[in-house]
């Protein structure tokens, strides 16, 4: 009986040890899975609109976009790479250190200050091209946000400026949104929208305006998140 009892105890101990090893292995696998499921990190490369000019930090574009994405099920972190007054040349000069190894996706929203300075669209296009080349080399998914020039620069300037965004988006196979202000421009009562959603300078959105902008842009950024995850 002692031999049989010892055998039973040995089998039970072996079963417990095997179960314990299995539990540890599962925990290790789950831990590895969690490590692989890090949040998607998006860098928003832009000017004062991206930076959140005139607003408390929590009301700016980047924090509001991050909250919107998370509320809509995306595990993301959005980095603020907006510099007030920046041009496409400024964006190109700092895209290298913006695209750190942690960055999975890039929003490019530049060109408004080029317009204000009347910079040659050919120069702006070359700068944007350089930014997109850098993102491509880093294997980073991109959302390029366009804009339209006013008519006071003449039809040739407007045609060249307006065309560079969709053409570059097609060349580099990026996601594309026609305007940073698309959510606001969809409002039919433009004068009312300007009063309600813009700061007194008429250039930068209020906190409520940013909320509308993010609502309009958010679905496209969700597509960017999916691209960043890969197949």
Protein backbone atom coordinates (compact mmCIF):
# COMPACT_ATOMS: atom_id res chain seq x y z
CA UNK A 1 0.00 0.00 0.00
CA UNK A 2 2.89 2.36 0.77
CA UNK A 3 4.23 1.91 -2.78
CA UNK A 4 0.82 2.53 -4.30
CA UNK A 5 0.28 5.56 -2.07
CA UNK A 6 3.64 6.96 -3.08
CA UNK A 7 2.83 6.44 -6.73
CA UNK A 8 -0.49 8.30 -6.36
CA UNK A 9 1.20 11.16 -4.54
CA UNK A 10 3.90 11.29 -7.20
CA UNK A 11 1.35 11.38 -10.00
CA UNK A 12 -0.62 14.11 -8.23
CA UNK A 13 2.53 16.16 -7.68
CA UNK A 14 3.50 15.71 -11.31
CA UNK A 15 0.06 16.84 -12.44
CA UNK A 16 0.24 19.92 -10.22
CA UNK A 17 3.74 20.76 -11.49
CA UNK A 18 2.62 20.38 -15.10
CA UNK A 19 -0.41 22.60 -14.46
CA UNK A 20 1.79 25.19 -12.78
CA UNK A 21 4.21 25.22 -15.72
CA UNK A 22 1.28 25.56 -18.10
CA UNK A 23 -0.08 28.50 -16.10
CA UNK A 24 3.31 30.22 -16.11
CA UNK A 25 3.68 29.65 -19.85
CA UNK A 26 0.24 31.15 -20.49
CA UNK A 27 1.08 34.16 -18.36
CA UNK A 28 4.30 34.69 -20.29
CA UNK A 29 2.45 34.44 -23.59
CA UNK A 30 -0.22 36.86 -22.42
CA UNK A 31 2.47 39.24 -21.24
CA UNK A 32 4.17 39.07 -24.61
CA UNK A 33 0.83 39.72 -26.30
CA UNK A 34 0.26 42.78 -24.13
CA UNK A 35 3.72 44.07 -25.01
CA UNK A 36 2.97 43.65 -28.69
CA UNK A 37 -0.31 45.54 -28.31
CA UNK A 38 1.25 48.89 -27.44
CA UNK A 39 -0.83 51.97 -28.27
CA UNK A 40 -0.46 53.38 -31.78
CA UNK A 41 1.58 56.58 -31.50
CA UNK A 42 0.62 59.41 -33.86
CA UNK A 43 2.72 62.55 -34.26
CA UNK A 44 0.82 65.63 -35.45
CA UNK A 45 3.28 67.77 -37.44
CA UNK A 46 1.86 71.23 -38.00
CA UNK A 47 1.68 74.90 -37.11
CA UNK A 48 -0.38 76.93 -34.63
CA UNK A 49 -3.57 75.05 -35.53
CA UNK A 50 -1.95 71.81 -34.43
CA UNK A 51 -0.12 73.41 -31.52
CA UNK A 52 -3.37 74.75 -30.03
CA UNK A 53 -2.76 78.49 -30.23
CA UNK A 54 -4.78 80.60 -27.79
CA UNK A 55 -6.28 77.66 -25.92
CA UNK A 56 -5.64 75.91 -22.60
CA UNK A 57 -3.53 72.83 -23.26
CA UNK A 58 -6.36 70.38 -22.65
CA UNK A 59 -8.60 72.16 -25.20
CA UNK A 60 -6.07 72.11 -28.04
CA UNK A 61 -6.30 70.00 -31.17
CA UNK A 62 -3.99 67.19 -30.06
CA UNK A 63 -5.57 66.47 -26.64
CA UNK A 64 -9.09 66.67 -28.09
CA UNK A 65 -8.16 64.38 -30.98
CA UNK A 66 -6.59 61.86 -28.62
CA UNK A 67 -9.69 61.82 -26.41
CA UNK A 68 -11.98 61.46 -29.45
CA UNK A 69 -9.98 58.52 -30.80
CA UNK A 70 -9.90 56.77 -27.44
CA UNK A 71 -13.64 57.33 -26.98
CA UNK A 72 -14.13 55.67 -30.35
CA UNK A 73 -12.21 52.55 -29.40
CA UNK A 74 -8.69 53.34 -30.60
CA UNK A 75 -5.74 52.59 -28.33
CA UNK A 76 -3.64 55.61 -29.30
CA UNK A 77 -1.31 58.30 -28.09
CA UNK A 78 -1.09 61.58 -30.04
CA UNK A 79 2.08 63.68 -29.84
CA UNK A 80 1.96 67.44 -30.36
CA UNK A 81 4.55 68.36 -33.01
CA UNK A 82 2.89 71.69 -33.82
CA UNK A 83 4.94 74.89 -33.79
CA UNK A 84 3.16 78.23 -34.02
CA UNK A 85 4.16 80.14 -37.16
CA UNK A 86 5.82 77.15 -38.77
CA UNK A 87 6.04 76.76 -42.55
CA UNK A 88 6.53 73.65 -44.67
CA UNK A 89 10.27 74.42 -44.56
CA UNK A 90 10.17 74.37 -40.76
CA UNK A 91 8.29 71.10 -40.80
CA UNK A 92 10.88 69.58 -43.11
CA UNK A 93 13.72 70.77 -40.87
CA UNK A 94 12.32 68.95 -37.85
CA UNK A 95 10.62 65.90 -39.34
CA UNK A 96 13.73 63.81 -38.66
CA UNK A 97 13.55 64.22 -34.90
CA UNK A 98 9.74 64.06 -34.95
CA UNK A 99 9.85 60.57 -36.46
CA UNK A 100 11.31 58.83 -33.41
CA UNK A 101 11.18 55.00 -33.31
CA UNK A 102 8.00 55.08 -31.22
CA UNK A 103 6.01 56.96 -33.89
CA UNK A 104 3.71 54.74 -35.96
CA UNK A 105 1.78 57.39 -37.88
CA UNK A 106 2.10 61.03 -38.91
CA UNK A 107 -0.47 63.76 -39.50
CA UNK A 108 0.95 66.51 -41.73
CA UNK A 109 -0.93 69.82 -41.50
CA UNK A 110 1.33 72.52 -42.92
CA UNK A 111 1.09 75.26 -45.54
CA UNK A 112 -1.03 78.00 -43.98
CA UNK A 113 1.98 80.13 -43.10
CA UNK A 114 3.43 79.55 -46.55
CA UNK A 115 0.26 81.15 -47.88
CA UNK A 116 0.48 84.10 -45.51
CA UNK A 117 4.03 84.75 -46.71
CA UNK A 118 3.25 84.19 -50.38
CA UNK A 119 5.91 81.48 -50.68
CA UNK A 120 6.28 79.94 -54.13
CA UNK A 121 4.09 76.79 -54.27
CA UNK A 122 7.00 74.95 -55.91
CA UNK A 123 9.07 75.48 -52.75
CA UNK A 124 6.20 74.42 -50.50
CA UNK A 125 5.65 71.33 -52.61
CA UNK A 126 9.33 70.38 -52.42
CA UNK A 127 9.22 70.70 -48.62
CA UNK A 128 6.11 68.56 -48.30
CA UNK A 129 7.68 66.04 -50.66
CA UNK A 130 10.69 65.85 -48.36
CA UNK A 131 8.48 65.29 -45.32
CA UNK A 132 6.61 62.48 -47.06
CA UNK A 133 9.86 60.92 -48.21
CA UNK A 134 11.10 60.88 -44.61
CA UNK A 135 7.85 59.25 -43.43
CA UNK A 136 8.06 56.66 -46.19
CA UNK A 137 11.67 55.85 -45.26
CA UNK A 138 10.58 55.41 -41.62
CA UNK A 139 7.70 53.14 -42.72
CA UNK A 140 5.19 55.46 -41.05
CA UNK A 141 1.57 55.79 -42.17
CA UNK A 142 0.59 59.36 -43.12
CA UNK A 143 -2.49 61.54 -43.23
CA UNK A 144 -1.82 64.62 -45.39
CA UNK A 145 -4.16 67.54 -44.76
CA UNK A 146 -4.57 69.97 -47.62
CA UNK A 147 -5.80 73.52 -47.99
CA UNK A 148 -6.84 75.94 -50.71
CA UNK A 149 -5.18 79.24 -51.55
CA UNK A 150 -7.25 82.43 -51.75
CA UNK A 151 -7.75 83.98 -55.16
CA UNK A 152 -5.77 87.16 -54.46
CA UNK A 153 -2.47 85.51 -55.41
CA UNK A 154 -3.74 84.91 -58.92
CA UNK A 155 -5.10 81.83 -60.70
CA UNK A 156 -1.70 80.26 -61.45
CA UNK A 157 -0.59 80.43 -57.82
CA UNK A 158 -3.91 79.07 -56.60
CA UNK A 159 -3.92 76.21 -59.09
CA UNK A 160 -0.37 75.15 -58.18
CA UNK A 161 -0.92 75.45 -54.43
CA UNK A 162 -4.28 73.70 -54.34
CA UNK A 163 -3.08 70.81 -56.52
CA UNK A 164 0.07 69.91 -54.61
CA UNK A 165 -1.72 68.24 -51.69
CA UNK A 166 -3.90 65.70 -53.54
CA UNK A 167 -1.09 65.03 -56.03
CA UNK A 168 1.46 64.32 -53.29
CA UNK A 169 -1.06 62.18 -51.42
CA UNK A 170 -1.55 60.11 -54.57
CA UNK A 171 2.20 59.86 -55.21
CA UNK A 172 2.94 58.58 -51.70
CA UNK A 173 -0.34 56.70 -51.21
CA UNK A 174 -1.20 58.61 -48.05
CA UNK A 175 -4.59 59.26 -46.58
CA UNK A 176 -5.85 62.70 -47.57
CA UNK A 177 -8.22 65.25 -46.09
CA UNK A 178 -9.02 68.39 -48.08
CA UNK A 179 -8.96 70.83 -45.17
CA UNK A 180 -8.09 71.03 -41.48
CA UNK A 181 -11.34 72.99 -41.08
CA UNK A 182 -13.49 70.45 -42.91
CA UNK A 183 -15.83 69.97 -39.97
CA UNK A 184 -16.45 73.72 -39.82
CA UNK A 185 -16.75 74.24 -43.55
CA UNK A 186 -19.50 71.62 -43.62
CA UNK A 187 -21.67 74.01 -41.59
CA UNK A 188 -24.00 75.81 -43.99
CA UNK A 189 -24.31 79.03 -41.97
CA UNK A 190 -20.71 80.22 -42.36
CA UNK A 191 -21.05 83.60 -40.57
CA UNK A 192 -22.67 81.92 -37.58
CA UNK A 193 -19.96 79.25 -37.56
CA UNK A 194 -17.24 81.90 -37.56
CA UNK A 195 -18.80 83.67 -34.59
CA UNK A 196 -19.40 80.48 -32.64
CA UNK A 197 -16.35 78.42 -33.37
CA UNK A 198 -13.46 80.80 -34.04
CA UNK A 199 -11.31 82.94 -31.77
CA UNK A 200 -11.43 86.71 -32.16
CA UNK A 201 -8.55 86.67 -34.68
CA UNK A 202 -10.75 84.79 -37.17
CA UNK A 203 -7.87 82.38 -37.88
CA UNK A 204 -7.72 79.97 -34.97
CA UNK A 205 -10.60 77.85 -33.70
CA UNK A 206 -12.02 78.11 -30.21
CA UNK A 207 -12.22 75.05 -27.99
CA UNK A 208 -15.72 74.40 -29.35
CA UNK A 209 -14.39 74.86 -32.88
CA UNK A 210 -11.64 72.32 -32.28
CA UNK A 211 -14.29 69.88 -31.11
CA UNK A 212 -16.16 70.27 -34.40
CA UNK A 213 -12.89 69.94 -36.37
CA UNK A 214 -11.98 66.76 -34.51
CA UNK A 215 -15.45 65.31 -35.10
CA UNK A 216 -14.95 65.92 -38.83
CA UNK A 217 -11.38 64.62 -38.97
CA UNK A 218 -11.70 61.74 -36.53
CA UNK A 219 -13.01 59.03 -38.89
CA UNK A 220 -10.08 59.59 -41.26
CA UNK A 221 -7.62 59.43 -38.36
CA UNK A 222 -9.20 56.10 -37.35
CA UNK A 223 -8.30 54.88 -40.84
CA UNK A 224 -4.77 56.12 -40.20
CA UNK A 225 -4.64 54.08 -36.99
CA UNK A 226 -5.66 50.95 -38.89
CA UNK A 227 -2.99 51.60 -41.52
CA UNK A 228 -0.40 52.03 -38.80
CA UNK A 229 -1.31 48.64 -37.33
CA UNK A 230 -0.54 46.99 -40.65
CA UNK A 231 -2.06 43.80 -42.03
